[in-house]
């Protein structure tokens, strides 16, 4: 988790709670770039994980907008416009 934030430079939005003793690793952008250079095949796994994260974000936006649409009796055009604004804002915040 947090790989998108390594590339964007933004603070991570996740909170993790450990119920047992854990080993925590902090991965910087430089160390991740070095890892990708040394092990390029693993970059595909990282990208797949990022795609899954984006897909989950999209599903969450869709669910929230559906809820707004149902509760507020907003028309479909307004819902789509709001969805597009949210997605543009989310993507622009990544600074990729």
PDB file of N, CA and C in Angstrom:
ATOM      1  N   UNK A   1       0.835  -1.177   0.000  1.00  0.00           N
ATOM      2  CA  UNK A   1       0.000   0.000   0.000  1.00  0.00           C
ATOM      3  C   UNK A   1       0.879   1.239   0.000  1.00  0.00           C
ATOM      4  N   UNK A   2       0.387   2.290  -0.613  1.00  0.00           N
ATOM      5  CA  UNK A   2       1.114   3.550  -0.637  1.00  0.00           C
ATOM      6  C   UNK A   2       2.039   3.743  -1.824  1.00  0.00           C
ATOM      7  N   UNK A   3       2.049   2.794  -2.766  1.00  0.00           N
ATOM      8  CA  UNK A   3       2.973   2.922  -3.897  1.00  0.00           C
ATOM      9  C   UNK A   3       2.646   4.122  -4.764  1.00  0.00           C
ATOM     10  N   UNK A   4       1.397   4.482  -4.862  1.00  0.00           N
ATOM     11  CA  UNK A   4       1.022   5.658  -5.648  1.00  0.00           C
ATOM     12  C   UNK A   4       1.630   6.906  -5.023  1.00  0.00           C
ATOM     13  N   UNK A   5       1.625   6.956  -3.703  1.00  0.00           N
ATOM     14  CA  UNK A   5       2.161   8.116  -3.005  1.00  0.00           C
ATOM     15  C   UNK A   5       3.671   8.240  -3.164  1.00  0.00           C
ATOM     16  N   UNK A   6       4.361   7.122  -3.352  1.00  0.00           N
ATOM     17  CA  UNK A   6       5.804   7.183  -3.598  1.00  0.00           C
ATOM     18  C   UNK A   6       6.061   7.954  -4.882  1.00  0.00           C
ATOM     19  N   UNK A   7       5.251   7.717  -5.900  1.00  0.00           N
ATOM     20  CA  UNK A   7       5.431   8.410  -7.174  1.00  0.00           C
ATOM     21  C   UNK A   7       4.886   9.833  -7.148  1.00  0.00           C
ATOM     22  N   UNK A   8       3.798  10.050  -6.416  1.00  0.00           N
ATOM     23  CA  UNK A   8       3.176  11.374  -6.416  1.00  0.00           C
ATOM     24  C   UNK A   8       3.851  12.344  -5.462  1.00  0.00           C
ATOM     25  N   UNK A   9       4.516  11.821  -4.444  1.00  0.00           N
ATOM     26  CA  UNK A   9       5.129  12.686  -3.445  1.00  0.00           C
ATOM     27  C   UNK A   9       4.139  13.211  -2.419  1.00  0.00           C
ATOM     28  N   UNK A  10       2.887  12.775  -2.521  1.00  0.00           N
ATOM     29  CA  UNK A  10       1.849  13.197  -1.584  1.00  0.00           C
ATOM     30  C   UNK A  10       1.862  12.292  -0.353  1.00  0.00           C
ATOM     31  N   UNK A  11       1.391  12.794   0.781  1.00  0.00           N
ATOM     32  CA  UNK A  11       1.311  11.946   1.975  1.00  0.00           C
ATOM     33  C   UNK A  11       0.376  10.764   1.736  1.00  0.00           C
ATOM     34  N   UNK A  12       0.701   9.657   2.340  1.00  0.00           N
ATOM     35  CA  UNK A  12      -0.111   8.454   2.211  1.00  0.00           C
ATOM     36  C   UNK A  12      -1.436   8.638   2.943  1.00  0.00           C
ATOM     37  N   UNK A  13      -2.511   8.167   2.343  1.00  0.00           N
ATOM     38  CA  UNK A  13      -3.837   8.341   2.929  1.00  0.00           C
ATOM     39  C   UNK A  13      -4.242   7.156   3.799  1.00  0.00           C
ATOM     40  N   UNK A  14      -3.414   6.140   3.879  1.00  0.00           N
ATOM     41  CA  UNK A  14      -3.777   4.927   4.594  1.00  0.00           C
ATOM     42  C   UNK A  14      -3.341   4.978   6.051  1.00  0.00           C
ATOM     43  N   UNK A  15      -4.098   4.303   6.884  1.00  0.00           N
ATOM     44  CA  UNK A  15      -3.738   4.083   8.271  1.00  0.00           C
ATOM     45  C   UNK A  15      -3.702   2.577   8.478  1.00  0.00           C
ATOM     46  N   UNK A  16      -2.659   2.103   9.116  1.00  0.00           N
ATOM     47  CA  UNK A  16      -2.500   0.675   9.338  1.00  0.00           C
ATOM     48  C   UNK A  16      -2.439   0.426  10.836  1.00  0.00           C
ATOM     49  N   UNK A  17      -3.139  -0.598  11.272  1.00  0.00           N
ATOM     50  CA  UNK A  17      -3.096  -1.009  12.671  1.00  0.00           C
ATOM     51  C   UNK A  17      -2.569  -2.431  12.706  1.00  0.00           C
ATOM     52  N   UNK A  18      -1.497  -2.652  13.462  1.00  0.00           N
ATOM     53  CA  UNK A  18      -0.910  -3.985  13.584  1.00  0.00           C
ATOM     54  C   UNK A  18      -1.399  -4.625  14.876  1.00  0.00           C
ATOM     55  N   UNK A  19      -1.851  -5.849  14.788  1.00  0.00           N
ATOM     56  CA  UNK A  19      -2.307  -6.579  15.964  1.00  0.00           C
ATOM     57  C   UNK A  19      -1.202  -7.445  16.549  1.00  0.00           C
ATOM     58  N   UNK A  20      -0.139  -7.621  15.807  1.00  0.00           N
ATOM     59  CA  UNK A  20       1.029  -8.379  16.247  1.00  0.00           C
ATOM     60  C   UNK A  20       2.269  -7.563  15.926  1.00  0.00           C
ATOM     61  N   UNK A  21       3.409  -8.055  16.371  1.00  0.00           N
ATOM     62  CA  UNK A  21       4.669  -7.391  16.059  1.00  0.00           C
ATOM     63  C   UNK A  21       4.904  -7.465  14.549  1.00  0.00           C
ATOM     64  N   UNK A  22       5.337  -6.353  13.971  1.00  0.00           N
ATOM     65  CA  UNK A  22       5.559  -6.298  12.529  1.00  0.00           C
ATOM     66  C   UNK A  22       6.900  -5.650  12.228  1.00  0.00           C
ATOM     67  N   UNK A  23       7.382  -5.892  11.046  1.00  0.00           N
ATOM     68  CA  UNK A  23       8.557  -5.209  10.528  1.00  0.00           C
ATOM     69  C   UNK A  23       8.048  -4.191   9.522  1.00  0.00           C
ATOM     70  N   UNK A  24       8.378  -2.944   9.752  1.00  0.00           N
ATOM     71  CA  UNK A  24       7.910  -1.868   8.892  1.00  0.00           C
ATOM     72  C   UNK A  24       9.050  -1.422   7.993  1.00  0.00           C
ATOM     73  N   UNK A  25       8.755  -1.282   6.711  1.00  0.00           N
ATOM     74  CA  UNK A  25       9.759  -0.812   5.760  1.00  0.00           C
ATOM     75  C   UNK A  25       9.267   0.480   5.132  1.00  0.00           C
ATOM     76  N   UNK A  26      10.130   1.459   5.098  1.00  0.00           N
ATOM     77  CA  UNK A  26       9.818   2.718   4.418  1.00  0.00           C
ATOM     78  C   UNK A  26      10.557   2.692   3.086  1.00  0.00           C
ATOM     79  N   UNK A  27       9.816   2.846   2.017  1.00  0.00           N
ATOM     80  CA  UNK A  27      10.412   2.796   0.689  1.00  0.00           C
ATOM     81  C   UNK A  27      10.334   4.189   0.081  1.00  0.00           C
ATOM     82  N   UNK A  28      11.485   4.743  -0.223  1.00  0.00           N
ATOM     83  CA  UNK A  28      11.539   6.069  -0.831  1.00  0.00           C
ATOM     84  C   UNK A  28      11.414   5.947  -2.341  1.00  0.00           C
ATOM     85  N   UNK A  29      11.160   7.062  -2.975  1.00  0.00           N
ATOM     86  CA  UNK A  29      11.062   7.067  -4.436  1.00  0.00           C
ATOM     87  C   UNK A  29      12.379   6.601  -5.060  1.00  0.00           C
ATOM     88  N   UNK A  30      13.504   7.097  -4.538  1.00  0.00           N
ATOM     89  CA  UNK A  30      14.810   6.701  -5.080  1.00  0.00           C
ATOM     90  C   UNK A  30      15.039   5.200  -4.946  1.00  0.00           C
ATOM     91  N   UNK A  31      14.712   4.641  -3.780  1.00  0.00           N
ATOM     92  CA  UNK A  31      14.932   3.206  -3.593  1.00  0.00           C
ATOM     93  C   UNK A  31      13.994   2.385  -4.478  1.00  0.00           C
ATOM     94  N   UNK A  32      12.766   2.860  -4.684  1.00  0.00           N
ATOM     95  CA  UNK A  32      11.846   2.155  -5.573  1.00  0.00           C
ATOM     96  C   UNK A  32      12.332   2.220  -7.018  1.00  0.00           C
ATOM     97  N   UNK A  33      12.807   3.375  -7.439  1.00  0.00           N
ATOM     98  CA  UNK A  33      13.341   3.493  -8.800  1.00  0.00           C
ATOM     99  C   UNK A  33      14.543   2.572  -8.993  1.00  0.00           C
ATOM    100  N   UNK A  34      15.411   2.488  -8.003  1.00  0.00           N
ATOM    101  CA  UNK A  34      16.571   1.588  -8.081  1.00  0.00           C
ATOM    102  C   UNK A  34      16.109   0.137  -8.147  1.00  0.00           C
ATOM    103  N   UNK A  35      15.120  -0.220  -7.348  1.00  0.00           N
ATOM    104  CA  UNK A  35      14.576  -1.578  -7.366  1.00  0.00           C
ATOM    105  C   UNK A  35      14.031  -1.919  -8.749  1.00  0.00           C
ATOM    106  N   UNK A  36      13.293  -0.986  -9.339  1.00  0.00           N
ATOM    107  CA  UNK A  36      12.714  -1.218 -10.666  1.00  0.00           C
ATOM    108  C   UNK A  36      13.805  -1.376 -11.722  1.00  0.00           C
ATOM    109  N   UNK A  37      14.872  -0.600 -11.607  1.00  0.00           N
ATOM    110  CA  UNK A  37      15.986  -0.742 -12.556  1.00  0.00           C
ATOM    111  C   UNK A  37      16.641  -2.112 -12.425  1.00  0.00           C
ATOM    112  N   UNK A  38      16.786  -2.578 -11.191  1.00  0.00           N
ATOM    113  CA  UNK A  38      17.454  -3.861 -10.959  1.00  0.00           C
ATOM    114  C   UNK A  38      16.544  -5.048 -11.261  1.00  0.00           C
ATOM    115  N   UNK A  39      15.250  -4.876 -11.032  1.00  0.00           N
ATOM    116  CA  UNK A  39      14.285  -5.967 -11.203  1.00  0.00           C
ATOM    117  C   UNK A  39      13.085  -5.473 -12.012  1.00  0.00           C
ATOM    118  N   UNK A  40      13.291  -5.215 -13.301  1.00  0.00           N
ATOM    119  CA  UNK A  40      12.224  -4.605 -14.109  1.00  0.00           C
ATOM    120  C   UNK A  40      10.941  -5.434 -14.188  1.00  0.00           C
ATOM    121  N   UNK A  41      11.048  -6.752 -14.093  1.00  0.00           N
ATOM    122  CA  UNK A  41       9.835  -7.577 -14.166  1.00  0.00           C
ATOM    123  C   UNK A  41       8.904  -7.304 -12.987  1.00  0.00           C
ATOM    124  N   UNK A  42       9.472  -6.932 -11.847  1.00  0.00           N
ATOM    125  CA  UNK A  42       8.640  -6.623 -10.683  1.00  0.00           C
ATOM    126  C   UNK A  42       7.874  -5.319 -10.863  1.00  0.00           C
ATOM    127  N   UNK A  43       8.317  -4.473 -11.771  1.00  0.00           N
ATOM    128  CA  UNK A  43       7.610  -3.215 -12.038  1.00  0.00           C
ATOM    129  C   UNK A  43       6.201  -3.493 -12.550  1.00  0.00           C
ATOM    130  N   UNK A  44       6.040  -4.585 -13.287  1.00  0.00           N
ATOM    131  CA  UNK A  44       4.715  -4.963 -13.789  1.00  0.00           C
ATOM    132  C   UNK A  44       3.777  -5.257 -12.622  1.00  0.00           C
ATOM    133  N   UNK A  45       4.273  -5.966 -11.609  1.00  0.00           N
ATOM    134  CA  UNK A  45       3.442  -6.248 -10.431  1.00  0.00           C
ATOM    135  C   UNK A  45       3.041  -4.959  -9.722  1.00  0.00           C
ATOM    136  N   UNK A  46       3.965  -4.036  -9.628  1.00  0.00           N
ATOM    137  CA  UNK A  46       3.676  -2.746  -8.995  1.00  0.00           C
ATOM    138  C   UNK A  46       2.608  -2.009  -9.798  1.00  0.00           C
ATOM    139  N   UNK A  47       2.746  -2.013 -11.117  1.00  0.00           N
ATOM    140  CA  UNK A  47       1.752  -1.340 -11.964  1.00  0.00           C
ATOM    141  C   UNK A  47       0.384  -2.001 -11.849  1.00  0.00           C
ATOM    142  N   UNK A  48       0.346  -3.331 -11.794  1.00  0.00           N
ATOM    143  CA  UNK A  48      -0.936  -4.029 -11.634  1.00  0.00           C
ATOM    144  C   UNK A  48      -1.601  -3.623 -10.323  1.00  0.00           C
ATOM    145  N   UNK A  49      -0.813  -3.524  -9.274  1.00  0.00           N
ATOM    146  CA  UNK A  49      -1.362  -3.112  -7.989  1.00  0.00           C
ATOM    147  C   UNK A  49      -1.901  -1.684  -8.058  1.00  0.00           C
ATOM    148  N   UNK A  50      -1.188  -0.812  -8.748  1.00  0.00           N
ATOM    149  CA  UNK A  50      -1.649   0.570  -8.901  1.00  0.00           C
ATOM    150  C   UNK A  50      -2.953   0.618  -9.696  1.00  0.00           C
ATOM    151  N   UNK A  51      -3.054  -0.198 -10.736  1.00  0.00           N
ATOM    152  CA  UNK A  51      -4.282  -0.250 -11.536  1.00  0.00           C
ATOM    153  C   UNK A  51      -5.444  -0.725 -10.669  1.00  0.00           C
ATOM    154  N   UNK A  52      -5.213  -1.749  -9.845  1.00  0.00           N
ATOM    155  CA  UNK A  52      -6.273  -2.223  -8.949  1.00  0.00           C
ATOM    156  C   UNK A  52      -6.704  -1.115  -7.986  1.00  0.00           C
ATOM    157  N   UNK A  53      -5.741  -0.337  -7.518  1.00  0.00           N
ATOM    158  CA  UNK A  53      -6.058   0.781  -6.627  1.00  0.00           C
ATOM    159  C   UNK A  53      -6.924   1.806  -7.346  1.00  0.00           C
ATOM    160  N   UNK A  54      -6.555   2.157  -8.584  1.00  0.00           N
ATOM    161  CA  UNK A  54      -7.357   3.106  -9.365  1.00  0.00           C
ATOM    162  C   UNK A  54      -8.760   2.564  -9.622  1.00  0.00           C
ATOM    163  N   UNK A  55      -8.853   1.269  -9.937  1.00  0.00           N
ATOM    164  CA  UNK A  55     -10.163   0.669 -10.176  1.00  0.00           C
ATOM    165  C   UNK A  55     -11.028   0.733  -8.920  1.00  0.00           C
ATOM    166  N   UNK A  56     -10.432   0.461  -7.768  1.00  0.00           N
ATOM    167  CA  UNK A  56     -11.169   0.536  -6.515  1.00  0.00           C
ATOM    168  C   UNK A  56     -11.629   1.964  -6.240  1.00  0.00           C
ATOM    169  N   UNK A  57     -10.755   2.924  -6.509  1.00  0.00           N
ATOM    170  CA  UNK A  57     -11.133   4.328  -6.343  1.00  0.00           C
ATOM    171  C   UNK A  57     -12.311   4.667  -7.251  1.00  0.00           C
ATOM    172  N   UNK A  58     -12.271   4.200  -8.487  1.00  0.00           N
ATOM    173  CA  UNK A  58     -13.351   4.464  -9.439  1.00  0.00           C
ATOM    174  C   UNK A  58     -14.658   3.850  -8.956  1.00  0.00           C
ATOM    175  N   UNK A  59     -14.599   2.616  -8.462  1.00  0.00           N
ATOM    176  CA  UNK A  59     -15.811   1.964  -7.959  1.00  0.00           C
ATOM    177  C   UNK A  59     -16.382   2.728  -6.772  1.00  0.00           C
ATOM    178  N   UNK A  60     -15.500   3.196  -5.886  1.00  0.00           N
ATOM    179  CA  UNK A  60     -15.966   3.963  -4.731  1.00  0.00           C
ATOM    180  C   UNK A  60     -16.629   5.268  -5.154  1.00  0.00           C
ATOM    181  N   UNK A  61     -16.040   5.941  -6.132  1.00  0.00           N
ATOM    182  CA  UNK A  61     -16.642   7.174  -6.652  1.00  0.00           C
ATOM    183  C   UNK A  61     -18.010   6.858  -7.250  1.00  0.00           C
ATOM    184  N   UNK A  62     -18.096   5.793  -8.016  1.00  0.00           N
ATOM    185  CA  UNK A  62     -19.374   5.407  -8.620  1.00  0.00           C
ATOM    186  C   UNK A  62     -20.434   5.120  -7.556  1.00  0.00           C
ATOM    187  N   UNK A  63     -20.049   4.380  -6.514  1.00  0.00           N
ATOM    188  CA  UNK A  63     -20.998   4.061  -5.447  1.00  0.00           C
ATOM    189  C   UNK A  63     -21.467   5.315  -4.720  1.00  0.00           C
ATOM    190  N   UNK A  64     -20.531   6.210  -4.434  1.00  0.00           N
ATOM    191  CA  UNK A  64     -20.897   7.455  -3.760  1.00  0.00           C
ATOM    192  C   UNK A  64     -21.832   8.299  -4.615  1.00  0.00           C
ATOM    193  N   UNK A  65     -21.535   8.363  -5.902  1.00  0.00           N
ATOM    194  CA  UNK A  65     -22.391   9.150  -6.787  1.00  0.00           C
ATOM    195  C   UNK A  65     -23.770   8.523  -6.943  1.00  0.00           C
ATOM    196  N   UNK A  66     -23.818   7.193  -6.982  1.00  0.00           N
ATOM    197  CA  UNK A  66     -25.120   6.527  -7.030  1.00  0.00           C
ATOM    198  C   UNK A  66     -25.938   6.868  -5.790  1.00  0.00           C
ATOM    199  N   UNK A  67     -25.267   6.880  -4.647  1.00  0.00           N
ATOM    200  CA  UNK A  67     -25.948   7.216  -3.397  1.00  0.00           C
ATOM    201  C   UNK A  67     -26.456   8.658  -3.420  1.00  0.00           C
ATOM    202  N   UNK A  68     -25.615   9.565  -3.895  1.00  0.00           N
ATOM    203  CA  UNK A  68     -26.025  10.968  -4.003  1.00  0.00           C
ATOM    204  C   UNK A  68     -27.205  11.082  -4.960  1.00  0.00           C
ATOM    205  N   UNK A  69     -27.110  10.397  -6.075  1.00  0.00           N
ATOM    206  CA  UNK A  69     -28.170  10.437  -7.091  1.00  0.00           C
ATOM    207  C   UNK A  69     -29.502   9.975  -6.503  1.00  0.00           C
ATOM    208  N   UNK A  70     -29.463   8.879  -5.742  1.00  0.00           N
ATOM    209  CA  UNK A  70     -30.690   8.331  -5.169  1.00  0.00           C
ATOM    210  C   UNK A  70     -31.263   9.233  -4.078  1.00  0.00           C
ATOM    211  N   UNK A  71     -30.410   9.749  -3.220  1.00  0.00           N
ATOM    212  CA  UNK A  71     -30.883  10.515  -2.068  1.00  0.00           C
ATOM    213  C   UNK A  71     -31.256  11.943  -2.410  1.00  0.00           C
ATOM    214  N   UNK A  72     -30.623  12.512  -3.380  1.00  0.00           N
ATOM    215  CA  UNK A  72     -30.826  13.931  -3.674  1.00  0.00           C
ATOM    216  C   UNK A  72     -31.674  14.174  -4.908  1.00  0.00           C
ATOM    217  N   UNK A  73     -32.061  13.104  -5.574  1.00  0.00           N
ATOM    218  CA  UNK A  73     -32.856  13.236  -6.784  1.00  0.00           C
ATOM    219  C   UNK A  73     -32.160  14.138  -7.806  1.00  0.00           C
ATOM    220  N   UNK A  74     -30.862  13.930  -7.950  1.00  0.00           N
ATOM    221  CA  UNK A  74     -30.058  14.690  -8.909  1.00  0.00           C
ATOM    222  C   UNK A  74     -30.204  14.017 -10.265  1.00  0.00           C
ATOM    223  N   UNK A  75     -30.255  14.808 -11.317  1.00  0.00           N
ATOM    224  CA  UNK A  75     -30.410  14.186 -12.627  1.00  0.00           C
ATOM    225  C   UNK A  75     -29.098  13.546 -13.083  1.00  0.00           C
ATOM    226  N   UNK A  76     -29.214  12.644 -14.039  1.00  0.00           N
ATOM    227  CA  UNK A  76     -28.070  11.848 -14.477  1.00  0.00           C
ATOM    228  C   UNK A  76     -26.952  12.714 -15.057  1.00  0.00           C
ATOM    229  N   UNK A  77     -27.283  13.751 -15.789  1.00  0.00           N
ATOM    230  CA  UNK A  77     -26.265  14.629 -16.374  1.00  0.00           C
ATOM    231  C   UNK A  77     -25.437  15.291 -15.274  1.00  0.00           C
ATOM    232  N   UNK A  78     -26.082  15.777 -14.237  1.00  0.00           N
ATOM    233  CA  UNK A  78     -25.357  16.395 -13.127  1.00  0.00           C
ATOM    234  C   UNK A  78     -24.467  15.373 -12.424  1.00  0.00           C
ATOM    235  N   UNK A  79     -24.965  14.148 -12.289  1.00  0.00           N
ATOM    236  CA  UNK A  79     -24.182  13.092 -11.652  1.00  0.00           C
ATOM    237  C   UNK A  79     -22.921  12.804 -12.456  1.00  0.00           C
ATOM    238  N   UNK A  80     -23.052  12.690 -13.762  1.00  0.00           N
ATOM    239  CA  UNK A  80     -21.892  12.434 -14.618  1.00  0.00           C
ATOM    240  C   UNK A  80     -20.900  13.590 -14.556  1.00  0.00           C
ATOM    241  N   UNK A  81     -21.400  14.817 -14.552  1.00  0.00           N
ATOM    242  CA  UNK A  81     -20.511  15.979 -14.449  1.00  0.00           C
ATOM    243  C   UNK A  81     -19.758  15.965 -13.127  1.00  0.00           C
ATOM    244  N   UNK A  82     -20.444  15.644 -12.050  1.00  0.00           N
ATOM    245  CA  UNK A  82     -19.805  15.566 -10.739  1.00  0.00           C
ATOM    246  C   UNK A  82     -18.762  14.454 -10.709  1.00  0.00           C
ATOM    247  N   UNK A  83     -19.102  13.322 -11.280  1.00  0.00           N
ATOM    248  CA  UNK A  83     -18.171  12.194 -11.347  1.00  0.00           C
ATOM    249  C   UNK A  83     -16.913  12.590 -12.106  1.00  0.00           C
ATOM    250  N   UNK A  84     -17.064  13.246 -13.233  1.00  0.00           N
ATOM    251  CA  UNK A  84     -15.912  13.673 -14.029  1.00  0.00           C
ATOM    252  C   UNK A  84     -15.051  14.678 -13.275  1.00  0.00           C
ATOM    253  N   UNK A  85     -15.684  15.594 -12.553  1.00  0.00           N
ATOM    254  CA  UNK A  85     -14.920  16.561 -11.760  1.00  0.00           C
ATOM    255  C   UNK A  85     -14.114  15.862 -10.673  1.00  0.00           C
ATOM    256  N   UNK A  86     -14.738  14.904  -9.993  1.00  0.00           N
ATOM    257  CA  UNK A  86     -14.042  14.165  -8.935  1.00  0.00           C
ATOM    258  C   UNK A  86     -12.862  13.405  -9.511  1.00  0.00           C
ATOM    259  N   UNK A  87     -13.055  12.740 -10.637  1.00  0.00           N
ATOM    260  CA  UNK A  87     -11.967  11.970 -11.247  1.00  0.00           C
ATOM    261  C   UNK A  87     -10.843  12.885 -11.713  1.00  0.00           C
ATOM    262  N   UNK A  88     -11.174  14.023 -12.308  1.00  0.00           N
ATOM    263  CA  UNK A  88     -10.129  14.962 -12.737  1.00  0.00           C
ATOM    264  C   UNK A  88      -9.346  15.456 -11.535  1.00  0.00           C
ATOM    265  N   UNK A  89     -10.048  15.770 -10.466  1.00  0.00           N
ATOM    266  CA  UNK A  89      -9.388  16.245  -9.249  1.00  0.00           C
ATOM    267  C   UNK A  89      -8.491  15.156  -8.667  1.00  0.00           C
ATOM    268  N   UNK A  90      -8.989  13.915  -8.610  1.00  0.00           N
ATOM    269  CA  UNK A  90      -8.210  12.807  -8.059  1.00  0.00           C
ATOM    270  C   UNK A  90      -6.948  12.570  -8.866  1.00  0.00           C
ATOM    271  N   UNK A  91      -7.083  12.569 -10.175  1.00  0.00           N
ATOM    272  CA  UNK A  91      -5.935  12.301 -11.040  1.00  0.00           C
ATOM    273  C   UNK A  91      -4.960  13.468 -11.018  1.00  0.00           C
ATOM    274  N   UNK A  92      -5.449  14.697 -11.011  1.00  0.00           N
ATOM    275  CA  UNK A  92      -4.540  15.847 -11.000  1.00  0.00           C
ATOM    276  C   UNK A  92      -3.751  15.909  -9.706  1.00  0.00           C
ATOM    277  N   UNK A  93      -4.295  15.379  -8.624  1.00  0.00           N
ATOM    278  CA  UNK A  93      -3.599  15.380  -7.345  1.00  0.00           C
ATOM    279  C   UNK A  93      -2.450  14.399  -7.281  1.00  0.00           C
ATOM    280  N   UNK A  94      -2.358  13.484  -8.243  1.00  0.00           N
ATOM    281  CA  UNK A  94      -1.293  12.485  -8.233  1.00  0.00           C
ATOM    282  C   UNK A  94       0.030  13.023  -8.744  1.00  0.00           C
ATOM    283  N   UNK A  95       0.007  14.046  -9.573  1.00  0.00           N
ATOM    284  CA  UNK A  95       1.228  14.643 -10.129  1.00  0.00           C
ATOM    285  C   UNK A  95       2.138  13.609 -10.777  1.00  0.00           C
ATOM    286  N   UNK A  96       1.567  12.704 -11.551  1.00  0.00           N
ATOM    287  CA  UNK A  96       2.386  11.667 -12.194  1.00  0.00           C
ATOM    288  C   UNK A  96       3.012  12.168 -13.461  1.00  0.00           C
TER     289      UNK A  96
END
